[in-house]
Every structure is written in structure tokens, then in C-alpha cells.
């Protein structure tokens, strides 16, 4: 299984989870785990996703999530799990 970590940060508003989830579903990425927190008016979310079945290149998924974030007024980043783990160990 190929996995990636998606992080979302921005001002809270309706539709953030739905918008990000919709983009992931359209690209055939499966959400394995999700954690979200609201700190005053700041929304944060982390998702562990399975990208084994994505119907496009990883860069395309990355660009689609950025566009979704821009439309929602939040910052969305995605990293492959092995890169995320390597950076966490530094």
C-alpha cells in the first residue's frame, strides 16, 4: 500500500472537510484516518490516505488539492508517507 499524509490549515468555514474529501475521492485516494481540530477560529486537519489506486500522477493529485485549498481559503499540503517519516526523524 502506498500512503500519503495530507494536512489542511486555515480559517474555519463550512465545507473544508467535504471539499478536500471530494477531491481525494475524485482521484481515487482512500482516506484511512483523519484527525481535525479547531483552535479558536483556526481549522487544522491531518489525513492518512491510501494513494495506491490514484487515477493520476501524484503531482496531479497535489495540484488538485492545492486548487481545492485555494478555493476554500485554506492551505492544503500532501507528502508521501516515506518522506513525511524521514522528515519527522530529523
Protein backbone atom coordinates (compact mmCIF):
# COMPACT_ATOMS: atom_id res chain seq x y z
CA UNK A 1 0.00 0.00 0.00
CA UNK A 2 1.24 3.46 -0.89
CA UNK A 3 0.23 6.08 1.65
CA UNK A 4 0.47 9.84 1.99
CA UNK A 5 -0.21 12.48 4.63
CA UNK A 6 -2.50 15.43 3.86
CA UNK A 7 -2.50 18.50 6.11
CA UNK A 8 -5.03 21.33 5.98
CA UNK A 9 -4.73 24.61 7.89
CA UNK A 10 -6.78 27.77 7.68
CA UNK A 11 -9.64 29.87 8.97
CA UNK A 12 -12.61 27.67 9.83
CA UNK A 13 -15.56 27.71 7.48
CA UNK A 14 -18.20 25.23 6.29
CA UNK A 15 -17.20 22.78 3.58
CA UNK A 16 -13.49 22.27 4.24
CA UNK A 17 -13.70 18.56 5.05
CA UNK A 18 -16.23 17.98 2.28
CA UNK A 19 -14.14 19.81 -0.32
CA UNK A 20 -10.88 18.02 0.48
CA UNK A 21 -12.63 14.64 0.74
CA UNK A 22 -14.36 15.19 -2.62
CA UNK A 23 -11.05 15.93 -4.35
CA UNK A 24 -9.48 12.82 -2.83
CA UNK A 25 -12.44 10.66 -3.91
CA UNK A 26 -12.34 12.04 -7.46
CA UNK A 27 -8.68 11.00 -7.71
CA UNK A 28 -9.36 7.51 -6.25
CA UNK A 29 -7.44 8.19 -3.00
CA UNK A 30 -8.90 6.46 0.06
CA UNK A 31 -8.98 8.14 3.48
CA UNK A 32 -7.59 5.74 6.10
CA UNK A 33 -7.55 8.03 9.13
CA UNK A 34 -8.44 11.63 9.87
CA UNK A 35 -7.90 13.99 12.78
CA UNK A 36 -9.23 17.53 12.89
CA UNK A 37 -9.07 20.25 15.49
CA UNK A 38 -10.50 23.71 15.83
CA UNK A 39 -8.29 26.16 17.75
CA UNK A 40 -10.44 29.27 18.23
CA UNK A 41 -11.13 30.10 14.55
CA UNK A 42 -8.20 28.13 13.08
CA UNK A 43 -9.06 24.79 11.49
CA UNK A 44 -6.40 22.06 11.30
CA UNK A 45 -6.77 18.59 9.82
CA UNK A 46 -4.42 15.69 9.14
CA UNK A 47 -5.36 12.75 6.96
CA UNK A 48 -3.58 9.49 6.25
CA UNK A 49 -4.60 8.37 2.78
CA UNK A 50 -4.03 5.37 0.54
CA UNK A 51 -2.79 6.54 -2.87
CA UNK A 52 -2.29 3.07 -4.34
CA UNK A 53 -5.24 3.45 -6.72
CA UNK A 54 -4.92 7.10 -7.73
CA UNK A 55 -6.02 7.53 -11.32
CA UNK A 56 -3.44 10.24 -11.99
CA UNK A 57 0.13 11.02 -11.15
CA UNK A 58 0.92 12.08 -7.58
CA UNK A 59 1.79 15.59 -8.81
CA UNK A 60 -1.68 15.89 -10.34
CA UNK A 61 -3.26 14.96 -7.01
CA UNK A 62 -1.00 17.50 -5.29
CA UNK A 63 -2.07 20.24 -7.75
CA UNK A 64 -5.75 19.36 -7.40
CA UNK A 65 -5.54 19.57 -3.60
CA UNK A 66 -3.79 22.95 -3.85
CA UNK A 67 -6.56 24.24 -6.12
CA UNK A 68 -9.19 22.91 -3.70
CA UNK A 69 -7.40 24.64 -0.82
CA UNK A 70 -7.20 27.91 -2.76
CA UNK A 71 -10.94 27.74 -3.48
CA UNK A 72 -11.68 27.06 0.21
CA UNK A 73 -9.24 29.67 1.52
CA UNK A 74 -7.06 27.11 3.32
CA UNK A 75 -3.58 25.68 2.87
CA UNK A 76 -3.51 22.01 1.76
CA UNK A 77 -0.27 20.01 1.56
CA UNK A 78 0.36 16.38 0.71
CA UNK A 79 3.52 14.32 1.25
CA UNK A 80 4.27 10.71 0.58
CA UNK A 81 4.41 8.78 3.85
CA UNK A 82 8.08 7.80 3.48
CA UNK A 83 9.12 11.45 3.03
CA UNK A 84 6.94 12.52 5.96
CA UNK A 85 8.52 9.82 8.16
CA UNK A 86 12.05 10.77 7.08
CA UNK A 87 11.49 14.43 7.90
CA UNK A 88 9.95 13.51 11.28
CA UNK A 89 13.09 11.57 12.23
CA UNK A 90 15.43 14.52 11.62
